[in-house]
PDB file of N, CA and C in Angstrom:
ATOM      1  N   MET A   1       0.803  -1.189   0.000  1.00  0.00           N
ATOM      2  CA  MET A   1       0.000   0.000   0.000  1.00  0.00           C
ATOM      3  C   MET A   1       0.857   1.268   0.000  1.00  0.00           C
ATOM      4  N   VAL A   2       1.990   1.246   0.750  1.00  0.00           N
ATOM      5  CA  VAL A   2       2.899   2.391   0.742  1.00  0.00           C
ATOM      6  C   VAL A   2       4.178   1.975   0.027  1.00  0.00           C
ATOM      7  N   ASN A   3       4.542   2.716  -0.999  1.00  0.00           N
ATOM      8  CA  ASN A   3       5.801   2.472  -1.691  1.00  0.00           C
ATOM      9  C   ASN A   3       6.900   3.151  -0.876  1.00  0.00           C
ATOM     10  N   LYS A   4       7.643   2.358  -0.127  1.00  0.00           N
ATOM     11  CA  LYS A   4       8.658   2.888   0.783  1.00  0.00           C
ATOM     12  C   LYS A   4       9.805   3.563   0.038  1.00  0.00           C
ATOM     13  N   ASP A   5      10.014   3.193  -1.224  1.00  0.00           N
ATOM     14  CA  ASP A   5      11.061   3.827  -2.015  1.00  0.00           C
ATOM     15  C   ASP A   5      10.678   5.247  -2.413  1.00  0.00           C
ATOM     16  N   VAL A   6       9.388   5.546  -2.421  1.00  0.00           N
ATOM     17  CA  VAL A   6       8.894   6.853  -2.844  1.00  0.00           C
ATOM     18  C   VAL A   6       8.527   7.735  -1.647  1.00  0.00           C
ATOM     19  N   CYS A   7       8.028   7.136  -0.572  1.00  0.00           N
ATOM     20  CA  CYS A   7       7.595   7.880   0.619  1.00  0.00           C
ATOM     21  C   CYS A   7       8.726   8.753   1.157  1.00  0.00           C
ATOM     22  N   ILE A   8       8.401  10.026   1.428  1.00  0.00           N
ATOM     23  CA  ILE A   8       9.391  10.964   1.964  1.00  0.00           C
ATOM     24  C   ILE A   8       9.193  11.232   3.457  1.00  0.00           C
ATOM     25  N   GLY A   9       8.218  10.557   4.058  1.00  0.00           N
ATOM     26  CA  GLY A   9       7.991  10.698   5.500  1.00  0.00           C
ATOM     27  C   GLY A   9       7.488  12.057   5.919  1.00  0.00           C
ATOM     28  N   CYS A  10       6.723  12.731   5.064  1.00  0.00           N
ATOM     29  CA  CYS A  10       6.260  14.095   5.358  1.00  0.00           C
ATOM     30  C   CYS A  10       5.151  14.134   6.409  1.00  0.00           C
ATOM     31  N   GLY A  11       4.391  13.045   6.538  1.00  0.00           N
ATOM     32  CA  GLY A  11       3.343  12.985   7.558  1.00  0.00           C
ATOM     33  C   GLY A  11       1.981  13.476   7.125  1.00  0.00           C
ATOM     34  N   ALA A  12       1.834  13.900   5.885  1.00  0.00           N
ATOM     35  CA  ALA A  12       0.533  14.392   5.418  1.00  0.00           C
ATOM     36  C   ALA A  12      -0.543  13.322   5.572  1.00  0.00           C
ATOM     37  N   CYS A  13      -0.220  12.103   5.226  1.00  0.00           N
ATOM     38  CA  CYS A  13      -1.193  11.014   5.318  1.00  0.00           C
ATOM     39  C   CYS A  13      -1.554  10.699   6.758  1.00  0.00           C
ATOM     40  N   VAL A  14      -0.559  10.751   7.627  1.00  0.00           N
ATOM     41  CA  VAL A  14      -0.784  10.446   9.047  1.00  0.00           C
ATOM     42  C   VAL A  14      -1.778  11.434   9.644  1.00  0.00           C
ATOM     43  N   SER A  15      -1.586  12.705   9.352  1.00  0.00           N
ATOM     44  CA  SER A  15      -2.451  13.723   9.944  1.00  0.00           C
ATOM     45  C   SER A  15      -3.849  13.746   9.338  1.00  0.00           C
ATOM     46  N   MET A  16      -4.005  13.269   8.119  1.00  0.00           N
ATOM     47  CA  MET A  16      -5.305  13.331   7.451  1.00  0.00           C
ATOM     48  C   MET A  16      -6.142  12.055   7.559  1.00  0.00           C
ATOM     49  N   CYS A  17      -5.559  10.956   7.992  1.00  0.00           N
ATOM     50  CA  CYS A  17      -6.309   9.699   8.083  1.00  0.00           C
ATOM     51  C   CYS A  17      -7.419   9.827   9.127  1.00  0.00           C
ATOM     52  N   PRO A  18      -8.681   9.640   8.714  1.00  0.00           N
ATOM     53  CA  PRO A  18      -9.793   9.842   9.647  1.00  0.00           C
ATOM     54  C   PRO A  18      -9.933   8.766  10.719  1.00  0.00           C
ATOM     55  N   VAL A  19      -9.248   7.634  10.545  1.00  0.00           N
ATOM     56  CA  VAL A  19      -9.379   6.551  11.525  1.00  0.00           C
ATOM     57  C   VAL A  19      -8.061   6.202  12.216  1.00  0.00           C
ATOM     58  N   GLY A  20      -7.010   6.954  11.944  1.00  0.00           N
ATOM     59  CA  GLY A  20      -5.724   6.706  12.592  1.00  0.00           C
ATOM     60  C   GLY A  20      -5.049   5.428  12.175  1.00  0.00           C
ATOM     61  N   ALA A  21      -5.230   5.035  10.923  1.00  0.00           N
ATOM     62  CA  ALA A  21      -4.670   3.775  10.436  1.00  0.00           C
ATOM     63  C   ALA A  21      -3.222   3.890   9.970  1.00  0.00           C
ATOM     64  N   ILE A  22      -2.687   5.106   9.927  1.00  0.00           N
ATOM     65  CA  ILE A  22      -1.342   5.300   9.405  1.00  0.00           C
ATOM     66  C   ILE A  22      -0.423   5.808  10.507  1.00  0.00           C
ATOM     67  N   LYS A  23       0.716   5.155  10.631  1.00  0.00           N
ATOM     68  CA  LYS A  23       1.740   5.531  11.603  1.00  0.00           C
ATOM     69  C   LYS A  23       3.080   5.539  10.880  1.00  0.00           C
ATOM     70  N   PHE A  24       4.090   6.104  11.523  1.00  0.00           N
ATOM     71  CA  PHE A  24       5.445   6.030  10.989  1.00  0.00           C
ATOM     72  C   PHE A  24       6.122   4.778  11.510  1.00  0.00           C
ATOM     73  N   GLY A  25       6.800   4.069  10.620  1.00  0.00           N
ATOM     74  CA  GLY A  25       7.575   2.903  11.012  1.00  0.00           C
ATOM     75  C   GLY A  25       8.942   3.332  11.532  1.00  0.00           C
ATOM     76  N   ALA A  26       9.741   2.378  11.940  1.00  0.00           N
ATOM     77  CA  ALA A  26      11.079   2.651  12.454  1.00  0.00           C
ATOM     78  C   ALA A  26      11.966   3.306  11.399  1.00  0.00           C
ATOM     79  N   ASP A  27      11.624   3.097  10.131  1.00  0.00           N
ATOM     80  CA  ASP A  27      12.396   3.681   9.030  1.00  0.00           C
ATOM     81  C   ASP A  27      11.964   5.111   8.697  1.00  0.00           C
ATOM     82  N   GLY A  28      10.980   5.641   9.430  1.00  0.00           N
ATOM     83  CA  GLY A  28      10.510   6.991   9.189  1.00  0.00           C
ATOM     84  C   GLY A  28       9.551   7.114   8.025  1.00  0.00           C
ATOM     85  N   LYS A  29       9.094   5.988   7.519  1.00  0.00           N
ATOM     86  CA  LYS A  29       8.164   5.956   6.398  1.00  0.00           C
ATOM     87  C   LYS A  29       6.779   5.554   6.896  1.00  0.00           C
ATOM     88  N   ALA A  30       5.764   5.942   6.146  1.00  0.00           N
ATOM     89  CA  ALA A  30       4.392   5.631   6.531  1.00  0.00           C
ATOM     90  C   ALA A  30       4.110   4.137   6.441  1.00  0.00           C
ATOM     91  N   GLU A  31       3.299   3.665   7.363  1.00  0.00           N
ATOM     92  CA  GLU A  31       2.820   2.285   7.366  1.00  0.00           C
ATOM     93  C   GLU A  31       1.321   2.323   7.622  1.00  0.00           C
ATOM     94  N   ILE A  32       0.568   1.576   6.824  1.00  0.00           N
ATOM     95  CA  ILE A  32      -0.889   1.539   6.969  1.00  0.00           C
ATOM     96  C   ILE A  32      -1.304   0.228   7.602  1.00  0.00           C
ATOM     97  N   ASN A  33      -2.083   0.314   8.668  1.00  0.00           N
ATOM     98  CA  ASN A  33      -2.609  -0.875   9.321  1.00  0.00           C
ATOM     99  C   ASN A  33      -3.865  -1.307   8.560  1.00  0.00           C
ATOM    100  N   PRO A  34      -3.812  -2.416   7.836  1.00  0.00           N
ATOM    101  CA  PRO A  34      -4.962  -2.839   7.032  1.00  0.00           C
ATOM    102  C   PRO A  34      -6.178  -3.245   7.853  1.00  0.00           C
ATOM    103  N   ASP A  35      -5.967  -3.547   9.132  1.00  0.00           N
ATOM    104  CA  ASP A  35      -7.093  -3.918   9.999  1.00  0.00           C
ATOM    105  C   ASP A  35      -7.920  -2.700  10.411  1.00  0.00           C
ATOM    106  N   ILE A  36      -7.331  -1.515  10.322  1.00  0.00           N
ATOM    107  CA  ILE A  36      -8.014  -0.282  10.705  1.00  0.00           C
ATOM    108  C   ILE A  36      -8.475   0.511   9.483  1.00  0.00           C
ATOM    109  N   CYS A  37      -7.704   0.436   8.403  1.00  0.00           N
ATOM    110  CA  CYS A  37      -7.965   1.217   7.186  1.00  0.00           C
ATOM    111  C   CYS A  37      -9.373   0.955   6.643  1.00  0.00           C
ATOM    112  N   ILE A  38     -10.088   2.054   6.327  1.00  0.00           N
ATOM    113  CA  ILE A  38     -11.445   1.938   5.776  1.00  0.00           C
ATOM    114  C   ILE A  38     -11.470   2.184   4.267  1.00  0.00           C
ATOM    115  N   LYS A  39     -10.275   2.289   3.672  1.00  0.00           N
ATOM    116  CA  LYS A  39     -10.126   2.457   2.222  1.00  0.00           C
ATOM    117  C   LYS A  39     -10.840   3.690   1.676  1.00  0.00           C
ATOM    118  N   CYS A  40     -10.780   4.773   2.430  1.00  0.00           N
ATOM    119  CA  CYS A  40     -11.417   6.026   1.987  1.00  0.00           C
ATOM    120  C   CYS A  40     -10.571   6.756   0.950  1.00  0.00           C
ATOM    121  N   LYS A  41      -9.302   6.407   0.869  1.00  0.00           N
ATOM    122  CA  LYS A  41      -8.341   6.958  -0.093  1.00  0.00           C
ATOM    123  C   LYS A  41      -7.966   8.417   0.157  1.00  0.00           C
ATOM    124  N   THR A  42      -8.252   8.922   1.342  1.00  0.00           N
ATOM    125  CA  THR A  42      -7.835  10.272   1.690  1.00  0.00           C
ATOM    126  C   THR A  42      -6.313  10.382   1.614  1.00  0.00           C
ATOM    127  N   CYS A  43      -5.627   9.376   2.084  1.00  0.00           N
ATOM    128  CA  CYS A  43      -4.162   9.387   2.090  1.00  0.00           C
ATOM    129  C   CYS A  43      -3.590   9.464   0.670  1.00  0.00           C
ATOM    130  N   GLU A  44      -4.218   8.768  -0.258  1.00  0.00           N
ATOM    131  CA  GLU A  44      -3.781   8.832  -1.659  1.00  0.00           C
ATOM    132  C   GLU A  44      -3.838  10.268  -2.165  1.00  0.00           C
ATOM    133  N   GLY A  45      -4.897  10.953  -1.822  1.00  0.00           N
ATOM    134  CA  GLY A  45      -5.097  12.305  -2.308  1.00  0.00           C
ATOM    135  C   GLY A  45      -4.162  13.339  -1.713  1.00  0.00           C
ATOM    136  N   VAL A  46      -3.710  13.123  -0.482  1.00  0.00           N
ATOM    137  CA  VAL A  46      -2.853  14.114   0.168  1.00  0.00           C
ATOM    138  C   VAL A  46      -1.360  13.828   0.021  1.00  0.00           C
ATOM    139  N   CYS A  47      -1.002  12.647  -0.416  1.00  0.00           N
ATOM    140  CA  CYS A  47       0.418  12.300  -0.552  1.00  0.00           C
ATOM    141  C   CYS A  47       1.040  13.107  -1.696  1.00  0.00           C
ATOM    142  N   PRO A  48       2.028  13.942  -1.378  1.00  0.00           N
ATOM    143  CA  PRO A  48       2.610  14.804  -2.407  1.00  0.00           C
ATOM    144  C   PRO A  48       3.477  14.069  -3.426  1.00  0.00           C
ATOM    145  N   VAL A  49       3.846  12.830  -3.125  1.00  0.00           N
ATOM    146  CA  VAL A  49       4.702  12.077  -4.044  1.00  0.00           C
ATOM    147  C   VAL A  49       4.024  10.807  -4.570  1.00  0.00           C
ATOM    148  N   SER A  50       2.738  10.680  -4.332  1.00  0.00           N
ATOM    149  CA  SER A  50       1.946   9.521  -4.803  1.00  0.00           C
ATOM    150  C   SER A  50       2.550   8.183  -4.389  1.00  0.00           C
ATOM    151  N   ALA A  51       2.971   8.116  -3.127  1.00  0.00           N
ATOM    152  CA  ALA A  51       3.572   6.887  -2.614  1.00  0.00           C
ATOM    153  C   ALA A  51       2.535   5.882  -2.125  1.00  0.00           C
ATOM    154  N   ILE A  52       1.276   6.294  -2.031  1.00  0.00           N
ATOM    155  CA  ILE A  52       0.233   5.435  -1.475  1.00  0.00           C
ATOM    156  C   ILE A  52      -0.779   5.049  -2.546  1.00  0.00           C
ATOM    157  N   LYS A  53      -1.048   3.765  -2.611  1.00  0.00           N
ATOM    158  CA  LYS A  53      -2.096   3.235  -3.483  1.00  0.00           C
ATOM    159  C   LYS A  53      -2.935   2.280  -2.643  1.00  0.00           C
ATOM    160  N   ILE A  54      -4.214   2.569  -2.537  1.00  0.00           N
ATOM    161  CA  ILE A  54      -5.126   1.715  -1.769  1.00  0.00           C
ATOM    162  C   ILE A  54      -5.757   0.716  -2.741  1.00  0.00           C
ATOM    163  N   LYS A  55      -5.581  -0.562  -2.436  1.00  0.00           N
ATOM    164  CA  LYS A  55      -6.163  -1.613  -3.258  1.00  0.00           C
ATOM    165  C   LYS A  55      -7.529  -1.998  -2.716  1.00  0.00           C
ATOM    166  N   GLU A  56      -8.482  -2.106  -3.607  1.00  0.00           N
ATOM    167  CA  GLU A  56      -9.810  -2.589  -3.228  1.00  0.00           C
ATOM    168  C   GLU A  56      -9.752  -4.109  -3.153  1.00  0.00           C
ATOM    169  N   ASP A  57     -10.443  -4.666  -2.198  1.00  0.00           N
ATOM    170  CA  ASP A  57     -10.456  -6.136  -2.047  1.00  0.00           C
ATOM    171  C   ASP A  57     -11.341  -6.791  -3.063  1.00  0.00           C
TER     172      ASP A  57
END
């Protein structure tokens, strides 16, 4: 869901996630908890480098 090679760790997705499903990993990159994520795609829209792609099940 998060392309770690592209993520710049800016935090835009973390602050905008309505359910708190995104945190920073030890590498300083975003990580999405799939058990919490509601697939609203807000994070996709706010990511300035398009590092996030939400897959529909």
